[in-house]
Full PDB file with SEQRES, HELIX, SHEET, SSBOND, CRYST1, ORIGX, SCALE, CONECT and MASTER records, all heavy atoms in Angstrom:
SEQRES   1 A   42  GLY PRO ALA GLY VAL GLY GLY VAL CYS LEU SER GLY HIS          
SEQRES   2 A   42  SER ASP VAL VAL PRO VAL ASP GLY GLN PRO TRP SER THR          
SEQRES   3 A   42  ASP PRO PHE THR LEU THR PRO VAL ASP ASP LYS VAL TYR          
SEQRES   4 A   42  GLY ARG GLY                                                  
SHEET    1 AA1 2 THR A  32  VAL A  34  0                                        
SHEET    2 AA1 2 LYS A  37  TYR A  39 -1                                        
CRYST1    1.000    1.000    1.000  90.00  90.00  90.00 P 1           1          
ORIGX1      1.000000  0.000000  0.000000        0.00000                         
ORIGX2      0.000000  1.000000  0.000000        0.00000                         
ORIGX3      0.000000  0.000000  1.000000        0.00000                         
SCALE1      1.000000  0.000000  0.000000        0.00000                         
SCALE2      0.000000  1.000000  0.000000        0.00000                         
SCALE3      0.000000  0.000000  1.000000        0.00000                         
ATOM      1  N   GLY A   1      28.620 120.700 231.736  1.00  0.00           N  
ATOM      2  CA  GLY A   1      28.227 122.099 231.684  1.00  0.00           C  
ATOM      3  C   GLY A   1      28.038 122.651 233.092  1.00  0.00           C  
ATOM      4  O   GLY A   1      28.420 122.016 234.085  1.00  0.00           O  
ATOM      5  N   PRO A   2      27.431 123.832 233.212  1.00  0.00           N  
ATOM      6  CA  PRO A   2      27.312 124.482 234.516  1.00  0.00           C  
ATOM      7  C   PRO A   2      26.508 123.642 235.494  1.00  0.00           C  
ATOM      8  O   PRO A   2      25.484 123.028 235.140  1.00  0.00           O  
ATOM      9  CB  PRO A   2      26.598 125.802 234.189  1.00  0.00           C  
ATOM     10  CG  PRO A   2      25.973 125.589 232.852  1.00  0.00           C  
ATOM     11  CD  PRO A   2      26.841 124.633 232.127  1.00  0.00           C  
ATOM     12  N   ALA A   3      26.972 123.566 236.736  1.00  0.00           N  
ATOM     13  CA  ALA A   3      26.327 122.741 237.759  1.00  0.00           C  
ATOM     14  C   ALA A   3      25.111 123.461 238.356  1.00  0.00           C  
ATOM     15  O   ALA A   3      25.036 124.702 238.346  1.00  0.00           O  
ATOM     16  CB  ALA A   3      27.334 122.411 238.859  1.00  0.00           C  
ATOM     17  N   GLY A   4      24.182 122.666 238.853  1.00  0.00           N  
ATOM     18  CA  GLY A   4      23.041 123.213 239.552  1.00  0.00           C  
ATOM     19  C   GLY A   4      22.022 123.919 238.699  1.00  0.00           C  
ATOM     20  O   GLY A   4      21.192 124.669 239.172  1.00  0.00           O  
ATOM     21  N   VAL A   5      22.105 123.705 237.387  1.00  0.00           N  
ATOM     22  CA  VAL A   5      21.193 124.353 236.453  1.00  0.00           C  
ATOM     23  C   VAL A   5      20.376 123.282 235.731  1.00  0.00           C  
ATOM     24  O   VAL A   5      20.894 122.242 235.358  1.00  0.00           O  
ATOM     25  CB  VAL A   5      21.983 125.186 235.424  1.00  0.00           C  
ATOM     26  CG1 VAL A   5      21.039 125.879 234.460  1.00  0.00           C  
ATOM     27  CG2 VAL A   5      22.865 126.206 236.117  1.00  0.00           C  
ATOM     28  N   GLY A   6      19.114 123.555 235.536  1.00  0.00           N  
ATOM     29  CA  GLY A   6      18.273 122.612 234.809  1.00  0.00           C  
ATOM     30  C   GLY A   6      18.511 122.667 233.328  1.00  0.00           C  
ATOM     31  O   GLY A   6      18.194 123.685 232.683  1.00  0.00           O  
ATOM     32  N   GLY A   7      19.096 121.656 232.763  1.00  0.00           N  
ATOM     33  CA  GLY A   7      19.367 121.646 231.343  1.00  0.00           C  
ATOM     34  C   GLY A   7      18.523 120.606 230.612  1.00  0.00           C  
ATOM     35  O   GLY A   7      17.337 120.428 230.911  1.00  0.00           O  
ATOM     36  N   VAL A   8      19.137 119.923 229.668  1.00  0.00           N  
ATOM     37  CA  VAL A   8      18.461 118.918 228.864  1.00  0.00           C  
ATOM     38  C   VAL A   8      18.994 117.551 229.269  1.00  0.00           C  
ATOM     39  O   VAL A   8      20.223 117.324 229.254  1.00  0.00           O  
ATOM     40  CB  VAL A   8      18.679 119.145 227.364  1.00  0.00           C  
ATOM     41  CG1 VAL A   8      17.977 118.072 226.548  1.00  0.00           C  
ATOM     42  CG2 VAL A   8      18.180 120.530 226.965  1.00  0.00           C  
ATOM     43  N   CYS A   9      18.117 116.645 229.634  1.00  0.00           N  
ATOM     44  CA  CYS A   9      18.509 115.309 230.063  1.00  0.00           C  
ATOM     45  C   CYS A   9      18.387 114.327 228.912  1.00  0.00           C  
ATOM     46  O   CYS A   9      17.337 114.287 228.245  1.00  0.00           O  
ATOM     47  CB  CYS A   9      17.640 114.848 231.228  1.00  0.00           C  
ATOM     48  SG  CYS A   9      18.072 113.222 231.879  1.00  0.00           S  
ATOM     49  N   LEU A  10      19.441 113.558 228.661  1.00  0.00           N  
ATOM     50  CA  LEU A  10      19.450 112.458 227.713  1.00  0.00           C  
ATOM     51  C   LEU A  10      19.412 111.165 228.505  1.00  0.00           C  
ATOM     52  O   LEU A  10      20.351 110.899 229.268  1.00  0.00           O  
ATOM     53  CB  LEU A  10      20.685 112.517 226.816  1.00  0.00           C  
ATOM     54  CG  LEU A  10      20.917 113.818 226.056  1.00  0.00           C  
ATOM     55  CD1 LEU A  10      22.257 113.793 225.342  1.00  0.00           C  
ATOM     56  CD2 LEU A  10      19.774 114.053 225.047  1.00  0.00           C  
ATOM     57  N   SER A  11      18.368 110.395 228.344  1.00  0.00           N  
ATOM     58  CA  SER A  11      18.162 109.247 229.225  1.00  0.00           C  
ATOM     59  C   SER A  11      18.042 107.957 228.422  1.00  0.00           C  
ATOM     60  O   SER A  11      17.374 107.907 227.385  1.00  0.00           O  
ATOM     61  CB  SER A  11      16.901 109.444 230.077  1.00  0.00           C  
ATOM     62  OG  SER A  11      16.690 108.333 230.934  1.00  0.00           O  
ATOM     63  N   GLY A  12      18.677 106.903 228.946  1.00  0.00           N  
ATOM     64  CA  GLY A  12      18.554 105.586 228.329  1.00  0.00           C  
ATOM     65  C   GLY A  12      18.805 104.483 229.338  1.00  0.00           C  
ATOM     66  O   GLY A  12      19.498 104.679 230.320  1.00  0.00           O  
ATOM     67  N   HIS A  13      18.229 103.316 229.060  1.00  0.00           N  
ATOM     68  CA  HIS A  13      18.406 102.184 229.996  1.00  0.00           C  
ATOM     69  C   HIS A  13      19.530 101.284 229.539  1.00  0.00           C  
ATOM     70  O   HIS A  13      19.789 101.134 228.334  1.00  0.00           O  
ATOM     71  CB  HIS A  13      17.104 101.400 230.154  1.00  0.00           C  
ATOM     72  CG  HIS A  13      16.576 100.770 228.904  1.00  0.00           C  
ATOM     73  ND1 HIS A  13      17.031  99.526 228.445  1.00  0.00           N  
ATOM     74  CD2 HIS A  13      15.634 101.149 228.013  1.00  0.00           C  
ATOM     75  CE1 HIS A  13      16.368  99.195 227.351  1.00  0.00           C  
ATOM     76  NE2 HIS A  13      15.531 100.176 227.056  1.00  0.00           N  
ATOM     77  N   SER A  14      20.181 100.667 230.495  1.00  0.00           N  
ATOM     78  CA  SER A  14      21.334  99.813 230.203  1.00  0.00           C  
ATOM     79  C   SER A  14      20.964  98.330 230.083  1.00  0.00           C  
ATOM     80  O   SER A  14      21.771  97.544 229.596  1.00  0.00           O  
ATOM     81  CB  SER A  14      22.382  99.967 231.319  1.00  0.00           C  
ATOM     82  OG  SER A  14      21.844  99.548 232.572  1.00  0.00           O  
ATOM     83  N   ASP A  15      19.788  97.932 230.570  1.00  0.00           N  
ATOM     84  CA  ASP A  15      19.447  96.510 230.551  1.00  0.00           C  
ATOM     85  C   ASP A  15      18.873  96.093 229.203  1.00  0.00           C  
ATOM     86  O   ASP A  15      18.377  96.918 228.433  1.00  0.00           O  
ATOM     87  CB  ASP A  15      18.478  96.150 231.694  1.00  0.00           C  
ATOM     88  CG  ASP A  15      17.158  96.907 231.598  1.00  0.00           C  
ATOM     89  OD1 ASP A  15      17.178  98.114 231.310  1.00  0.00           O  
ATOM     90  OD2 ASP A  15      16.095  96.289 231.819  1.00  0.00           O  
ATOM     91  N   VAL A  16      18.971  94.787 228.937  1.00  0.00           N  
ATOM     92  CA  VAL A  16      18.462  94.209 227.695  1.00  0.00           C  
ATOM     93  C   VAL A  16      17.639  92.974 228.024  1.00  0.00           C  
ATOM     94  O   VAL A  16      17.688  92.448 229.141  1.00  0.00           O  
ATOM     95  CB  VAL A  16      19.635  93.812 226.734  1.00  0.00           C  
ATOM     96  CG1 VAL A  16      20.430  95.050 226.334  1.00  0.00           C  
ATOM     97  CG2 VAL A  16      20.542  92.772 227.372  1.00  0.00           C  
ATOM     98  N   VAL A  17      16.871  92.511 227.028  1.00  0.00           N  
ATOM     99  CA  VAL A  17      16.059  91.313 227.221  1.00  0.00           C  
ATOM    100  C   VAL A  17      16.910  90.063 226.966  1.00  0.00           C  
ATOM    101  O   VAL A  17      17.966  90.139 226.365  1.00  0.00           O  
ATOM    102  CB  VAL A  17      14.839  91.321 226.287  1.00  0.00           C  
ATOM    103  CG1 VAL A  17      13.930  92.499 226.601  1.00  0.00           C  
ATOM    104  CG2 VAL A  17      15.264  91.354 224.821  1.00  0.00           C  
ATOM    105  N   PRO A  18      16.460  88.896 227.449  1.00  0.00           N  
ATOM    106  CA  PRO A  18      17.238  87.667 227.293  1.00  0.00           C  
ATOM    107  C   PRO A  18      17.386  87.237 225.842  1.00  0.00           C  
ATOM    108  O   PRO A  18      16.544  87.574 224.988  1.00  0.00           O  
ATOM    109  CB  PRO A  18      16.434  86.622 228.096  1.00  0.00           C  
ATOM    110  CG  PRO A  18      15.559  87.424 229.009  1.00  0.00           C  
ATOM    111  CD  PRO A  18      15.253  88.681 228.290  1.00  0.00           C  
ATOM    112  N   VAL A  19      18.438  86.465 225.587  1.00  0.00           N  
ATOM    113  CA  VAL A  19      18.642  85.841 224.273  1.00  0.00           C  
ATOM    114  C   VAL A  19      18.332  84.347 224.330  1.00  0.00           C  
ATOM    115  O   VAL A  19      18.424  83.656 223.298  1.00  0.00           O  
ATOM    116  CB  VAL A  19      20.092  86.040 223.781  1.00  0.00           C  
ATOM    117  CG1 VAL A  19      20.418  87.506 223.644  1.00  0.00           C  
ATOM    118  CG2 VAL A  19      21.091  85.344 224.715  1.00  0.00           C  
ATOM    119  N   ASP A  20      17.935  83.843 225.500  1.00  0.00           N  
ATOM    120  CA  ASP A  20      17.712  82.406 225.693  1.00  0.00           C  
ATOM    121  C   ASP A  20      16.767  81.843 224.642  1.00  0.00           C  
ATOM    122  O   ASP A  20      15.659  82.351 224.453  1.00  0.00           O  
ATOM    123  CB  ASP A  20      17.108  82.144 227.080  1.00  0.00           C  
ATOM    124  CG  ASP A  20      17.901  82.768 228.199  1.00  0.00           C  
ATOM    125  OD1 ASP A  20      18.450  83.848 228.008  1.00  0.00           O  
ATOM    126  OD2 ASP A  20      17.969  82.172 229.293  1.00  0.00           O  
ATOM    127  N   GLY A  21      17.207  80.773 223.982  1.00  0.00           N  
ATOM    128  CA  GLY A  21      16.355  80.052 223.033  1.00  0.00           C  
ATOM    129  C   GLY A  21      16.194  80.734 221.702  1.00  0.00           C  
ATOM    130  O   GLY A  21      15.508  80.205 220.815  1.00  0.00           O  
ATOM    131  N   GLN A  22      16.817  81.895 221.504  1.00  0.00           N  
ATOM    132  CA  GLN A  22      16.671  82.613 220.220  1.00  0.00           C  
ATOM    133  C   GLN A  22      17.745  82.142 219.232  1.00  0.00           C  
ATOM    134  O   GLN A  22      18.897  81.982 219.614  1.00  0.00           O  
ATOM    135  CB  GLN A  22      16.776  84.123 220.426  1.00  0.00           C  
ATOM    136  CG  GLN A  22      15.633  84.725 221.206  1.00  0.00           C  
ATOM    137  CD  GLN A  22      15.691  86.247 221.257  1.00  0.00           C  
ATOM    138  OE1 GLN A  22      16.752  86.848 221.061  1.00  0.00           O  
ATOM    139  NE2 GLN A  22      14.564  86.879 221.518  1.00  0.00           N  
ATOM    140  N   PRO A  23      17.371  81.948 217.968  1.00  0.00           N  
ATOM    141  CA  PRO A  23      18.337  81.448 216.970  1.00  0.00           C  
ATOM    142  C   PRO A  23      19.191  82.553 216.374  1.00  0.00           C  
ATOM    143  O   PRO A  23      18.988  83.014 215.259  1.00  0.00           O  
ATOM    144  CB  PRO A  23      17.424  80.810 215.925  1.00  0.00           C  
ATOM    145  CG  PRO A  23      16.145  81.628 215.981  1.00  0.00           C  
ATOM    146  CD  PRO A  23      15.987  82.021 217.426  1.00  0.00           C  
ATOM    147  N   TRP A  24      20.195  83.005 217.122  1.00  0.00           N  
ATOM    148  CA  TRP A  24      21.085  84.057 216.631  1.00  0.00           C  
ATOM    149  C   TRP A  24      22.073  83.504 215.600  1.00  0.00           C  
ATOM    150  O   TRP A  24      22.581  82.378 215.731  1.00  0.00           O  
ATOM    151  CB  TRP A  24      21.856  84.659 217.808  1.00  0.00           C  
ATOM    152  CG  TRP A  24      21.068  85.637 218.619  1.00  0.00           C  
ATOM    153  CD1 TRP A  24      20.075  85.352 219.493  1.00  0.00           C  
ATOM    154  CD2 TRP A  24      21.193  87.052 218.599  1.00  0.00           C  
ATOM    155  NE1 TRP A  24      19.555  86.519 220.041  1.00  0.00           N  
ATOM    156  CE2 TRP A  24      20.249  87.570 219.513  1.00  0.00           C  
ATOM    157  CE3 TRP A  24      22.019  87.936 217.923  1.00  0.00           C  
ATOM    158  CZ2 TRP A  24      20.104  88.942 219.754  1.00  0.00           C  
ATOM    159  CZ3 TRP A  24      21.892  89.295 218.175  1.00  0.00           C  
ATOM    160  CH2 TRP A  24      20.928  89.802 219.058  1.00  0.00           C  
ATOM    161  N   SER A  25      22.369  84.317 214.606  1.00  0.00           N  
ATOM    162  CA  SER A  25      23.373  83.958 213.603  1.00  0.00           C  
ATOM    163  C   SER A  25      24.776  84.379 214.038  1.00  0.00           C  
ATOM    164  O   SER A  25      25.766  83.905 213.471  1.00  0.00           O  
ATOM    165  CB  SER A  25      23.053  84.629 212.263  1.00  0.00           C  
ATOM    166  OG  SER A  25      21.751  84.258 211.820  1.00  0.00           O  
ATOM    167  N   THR A  26      24.846  85.297 215.009  1.00  0.00           N  
ATOM    168  CA  THR A  26      26.133  85.785 215.508  1.00  0.00           C  
ATOM    169  C   THR A  26      26.104  85.729 217.024  1.00  0.00           C  
ATOM    170  O   THR A  26      25.046  85.470 217.635  1.00  0.00           O  
ATOM    171  CB  THR A  26      26.379  87.240 215.068  1.00  0.00           C  
ATOM    172  OG1 THR A  26      25.337  88.090 215.621  1.00  0.00           O  
ATOM    173  CG2 THR A  26      26.343  87.372 213.559  1.00  0.00           C  
ATOM    174  N   ASP A  27      27.253  85.967 217.655  1.00  0.00           N  
ATOM    175  CA  ASP A  27      27.319  86.051 219.104  1.00  0.00           C  
ATOM    176  C   ASP A  27      26.549  87.317 219.533  1.00  0.00           C  
ATOM    177  O   ASP A  27      26.937  88.430 219.155  1.00  0.00           O  
ATOM    178  CB  ASP A  27      28.771  86.147 219.561  1.00  0.00           C  
ATOM    179  CG  ASP A  27      28.916  86.266 221.065  1.00  0.00           C  
ATOM    180  OD1 ASP A  27      27.908  86.430 221.777  1.00  0.00           O  
ATOM    181  OD2 ASP A  27      30.060  86.196 221.552  1.00  0.00           O  
ATOM    182  N   PRO A  28      25.467  87.171 220.292  1.00  0.00           N  
ATOM    183  CA  PRO A  28      24.646  88.360 220.635  1.00  0.00           C  
ATOM    184  C   PRO A  28      25.383  89.395 221.454  1.00  0.00           C  
ATOM    185  O   PRO A  28      24.985  90.563 221.481  1.00  0.00           O  
ATOM    186  CB  PRO A  28      23.469  87.771 221.402  1.00  0.00           C  
ATOM    187  CG  PRO A  28      23.919  86.419 221.863  1.00  0.00           C  
ATOM    188  CD  PRO A  28      24.890  85.943 220.848  1.00  0.00           C  
ATOM    189  N   PHE A  29      26.481  89.009 222.119  1.00  0.00           N  
ATOM    190  CA  PHE A  29      27.208  89.956 222.954  1.00  0.00           C  
ATOM    191  C   PHE A  29      28.553  90.366 222.349  1.00  0.00           C  
ATOM    192  O   PHE A  29      29.447  90.837 223.035  1.00  0.00           O  
ATOM    193  CB  PHE A  29      27.383  89.387 224.374  1.00  0.00           C  
ATOM    194  CG  PHE A  29      26.055  89.150 225.054  1.00  0.00           C  
ATOM    195  CD1 PHE A  29      25.563  87.870 225.219  1.00  0.00           C  
ATOM    196  CD2 PHE A  29      25.283  90.217 225.470  1.00  0.00           C  
ATOM    197  CE1 PHE A  29      24.339  87.658 225.814  1.00  0.00           C  
ATOM    198  CE2 PHE A  29      24.046  90.027 226.075  1.00  0.00           C  
ATOM    199  CZ  PHE A  29      23.567  88.726 226.238  1.00  0.00           C  
ATOM    200  N   THR A  30      28.652  90.169 221.052  1.00  0.00           N  
ATOM    201  CA  THR A  30      29.784  90.703 220.290  1.00  0.00           C  
ATOM    202  C   THR A  30      29.230  91.524 219.130  1.00  0.00           C  
ATOM    203  O   THR A  30      28.495  90.981 218.277  1.00  0.00           O  
ATOM    204  CB  THR A  30      30.651  89.573 219.704  1.00  0.00           C  
ATOM    205  OG1 THR A  30      31.197  88.802 220.803  1.00  0.00           O  
ATOM    206  CG2 THR A  30      31.795  90.131 218.877  1.00  0.00           C  
ATOM    207  N   LEU A  31      29.475  92.815 219.108  1.00  0.00           N  
ATOM    208  CA  LEU A  31      28.936  93.674 218.060  1.00  0.00           C  
ATOM    209  C   LEU A  31      29.544  93.208 216.728  1.00  0.00           C  
ATOM    210  O   LEU A  31      30.773  93.186 216.558  1.00  0.00           O  
ATOM    211  CB  LEU A  31      29.272  95.130 218.319  1.00  0.00           C  
ATOM    212  CG  LEU A  31      28.533  96.121 217.428  1.00  0.00           C  
ATOM    213  CD1 LEU A  31      27.043  96.164 217.753  1.00  0.00           C  
ATOM    214  CD2 LEU A  31      29.149  97.514 217.535  1.00  0.00           C  
ATOM    215  N   THR A  32      28.672  92.891 215.781  1.00  0.00           N  
ATOM    216  CA  THR A  32      29.113  92.316 214.511  1.00  0.00           C  
ATOM    217  C   THR A  32      28.620  93.170 213.337  1.00  0.00           C  
ATOM    218  O   THR A  32      27.418  93.256 213.118  1.00  0.00           O  
ATOM    219  CB  THR A  32      28.585  90.878 214.363  1.00  0.00           C  
ATOM    220  OG1 THR A  32      28.994  90.094 215.493  1.00  0.00           O  
ATOM    221  CG2 THR A  32      29.103  90.235 213.085  1.00  0.00           C  
ATOM    222  N   PRO A  33      29.534  93.797 212.599  1.00  0.00           N  
ATOM    223  CA  PRO A  33      29.115  94.586 211.442  1.00  0.00           C  
ATOM    224  C   PRO A  33      28.843  93.691 210.234  1.00  0.00           C  
ATOM    225  O   PRO A  33      29.616  92.790 209.923  1.00  0.00           O  
ATOM    226  CB  PRO A  33      30.315  95.506 211.190  1.00  0.00           C  
ATOM    227  CG  PRO A  33      31.488  94.766 211.725  1.00  0.00           C  
ATOM    228  CD  PRO A  33      30.994  93.917 212.869  1.00  0.00           C  
ATOM    229  N   VAL A  34      27.715  93.932 209.587  1.00  0.00           N  
ATOM    230  CA  VAL A  34      27.389  93.255 208.336  1.00  0.00           C  
ATOM    231  C   VAL A  34      26.779  94.290 207.405  1.00  0.00           C  
ATOM    232  O   VAL A  34      25.683  94.835 207.691  1.00  0.00           O  
ATOM    233  CB  VAL A  34      26.394  92.091 208.550  1.00  0.00           C  
ATOM    234  CG1 VAL A  34      26.065  91.427 207.207  1.00  0.00           C  
ATOM    235  CG2 VAL A  34      26.960  91.069 209.522  1.00  0.00           C  
ATOM    236  N   ASP A  35      27.500  94.596 206.321  1.00  0.00           N  
ATOM    237  CA  ASP A  35      27.042  95.619 205.356  1.00  0.00           C  
ATOM    238  C   ASP A  35      26.819  96.952 206.082  1.00  0.00           C  
ATOM    239  O   ASP A  35      27.716  97.461 206.704  1.00  0.00           O  
ATOM    240  CB  ASP A  35      25.797  95.125 204.615  1.00  0.00           C  
ATOM    241  CG  ASP A  35      26.062  93.881 203.796  1.00  0.00           C  
ATOM    242  OD1 ASP A  35      27.180  93.736 203.302  1.00  0.00           O  
ATOM    243  OD2 ASP A  35      25.130  93.025 203.685  1.00  0.00           O  
ATOM    244  N   ASP A  36      25.577  97.451 206.062  1.00  0.00           N  
ATOM    245  CA  ASP A  36      25.295  98.752 206.627  1.00  0.00           C  
ATOM    246  C   ASP A  36      24.630  98.669 208.007  1.00  0.00           C  
ATOM    247  O   ASP A  36      23.973  99.611 208.451  1.00  0.00           O  
ATOM    248  CB  ASP A  36      24.414  99.564 205.689  1.00  0.00           C  
ATOM    249  CG  ASP A  36      23.082  98.869 205.383  1.00  0.00           C  
ATOM    250  OD1 ASP A  36      22.939  97.671 205.723  1.00  0.00           O  
ATOM    251  OD2 ASP A  36      22.182  99.506 204.797  1.00  0.00           O  
ATOM    252  N   LYS A  37      24.808  97.534 208.686  1.00  0.00           N  
ATOM    253  CA  LYS A  37      24.193  97.320 210.008  1.00  0.00           C  
ATOM    254  C   LYS A  37      25.231  96.789 210.981  1.00  0.00           C  
ATOM    255  O   LYS A  37      26.262  96.271 210.562  1.00  0.00           O  
ATOM    256  CB  LYS A  37      23.036  96.323 209.898  1.00  0.00           C  
ATOM    257  CG  LYS A  37      21.975  96.637 208.859  1.00  0.00           C  
ATOM    258  CD  LYS A  37      20.947  95.524 208.795  1.00  0.00           C  
ATOM    259  CE  LYS A  37      19.861  95.796 207.755  1.00  0.00           C  
ATOM    260  NZ  LYS A  37      20.422  95.695 206.356  1.00  0.00           N  
ATOM    261  N   VAL A  38      24.931  96.944 212.251  1.00  0.00           N  
ATOM    262  CA  VAL A  38      25.722  96.261 213.284  1.00  0.00           C  
ATOM    263  C   VAL A  38      24.761  95.465 214.161  1.00  0.00           C  
ATOM    264  O   VAL A  38      23.713  95.956 214.562  1.00  0.00           O  
ATOM    265  CB  VAL A  38      26.544  97.254 214.140  1.00  0.00           C  
ATOM    266  CG1 VAL A  38      27.740  97.753 213.368  1.00  0.00           C  
ATOM    267  CG2 VAL A  38      25.713  98.395 214.646  1.00  0.00           C  
ATOM    268  N   TYR A  39      25.144  94.215 214.408  1.00  0.00           N  
ATOM    269  CA  TYR A  39      24.267  93.270 215.101  1.00  0.00           C  
ATOM    270  C   TYR A  39      24.753  93.049 216.532  1.00  0.00           C  
ATOM    271  O   TYR A  39      25.954  93.018 216.804  1.00  0.00           O  
ATOM    272  CB  TYR A  39      24.251  91.919 214.378  1.00  0.00           C  
ATOM    273  CG  TYR A  39      23.542  91.929 213.050  1.00  0.00           C  
ATOM    274  CD1 TYR A  39      24.138  92.488 211.923  1.00  0.00           C  
ATOM    275  CD2 TYR A  39      22.270  91.399 212.922  1.00  0.00           C  
ATOM    276  CE1 TYR A  39      23.488  92.516 210.703  1.00  0.00           C  
ATOM    277  CE2 TYR A  39      21.595  91.414 211.695  1.00  0.00           C  
ATOM    278  CZ  TYR A  39      22.213  91.981 210.599  1.00  0.00           C  
ATOM    279  OH  TYR A  39      21.561  91.993 209.388  1.00  0.00           O  
ATOM    280  N   GLY A  40      23.810  92.849 217.440  1.00  0.00           N  
ATOM    281  CA  GLY A  40      24.144  92.546 218.823  1.00  0.00           C  
ATOM    282  C   GLY A  40      22.975  92.864 219.722  1.00  0.00           C  
ATOM    283  O   GLY A  40      22.166  93.751 219.417  1.00  0.00           O  
ATOM    284  N   ARG A  41      22.870  92.120 220.848  1.00  0.00           N  
ATOM    285  CA  ARG A  41      21.762  92.389 221.773  1.00  0.00           C  
ATOM    286  C   ARG A  41      21.917  93.792 222.389  1.00  0.00           C  
ATOM    287  O   ARG A  41      22.970  94.120 222.931  1.00  0.00           O  
ATOM    288  CB  ARG A  41      21.735  91.330 222.869  1.00  0.00           C  
ATOM    289  CG  ARG A  41      20.718  91.578 223.950  1.00  0.00           C  
ATOM    290  CD  ARG A  41      19.274  91.753 223.410  1.00  0.00           C  
ATOM    291  NE  ARG A  41      18.560  90.508 223.285  1.00  0.00           N  
ATOM    292  CZ  ARG A  41      17.765  90.194 222.258  1.00  0.00           C  
ATOM    293  NH1 ARG A  41      17.630  91.047 221.253  1.00  0.00           N  
ATOM    294  NH2 ARG A  41      17.113  89.074 222.231  1.00  0.00           N  
ATOM    295  N   GLY A  42      20.891  94.585 222.266  1.00  0.00           N  
ATOM    296  CA  GLY A  42      20.906  95.941 222.774  1.00  0.00           C  
ATOM    297  C   GLY A  42      21.411  96.963 221.787  1.00  0.00           C  
ATOM    298  O   GLY A  42      21.350  98.165 222.063  1.00  0.00           O  
TER     299      GLY A  42                                                      
MASTER        0    0    0    0    2    0    0    6  298    1    0    4          
END                                                                             
């Protein structure tokens, strides 16, 4: 949109917490759809 104007900011972080030692049923870094959900770290 127009530059130099105060608008609405959508903010989110890119980092995630570790998966070390957690008993995942799927690859945490491969988005996996199951029924009405998608699984993956983050």
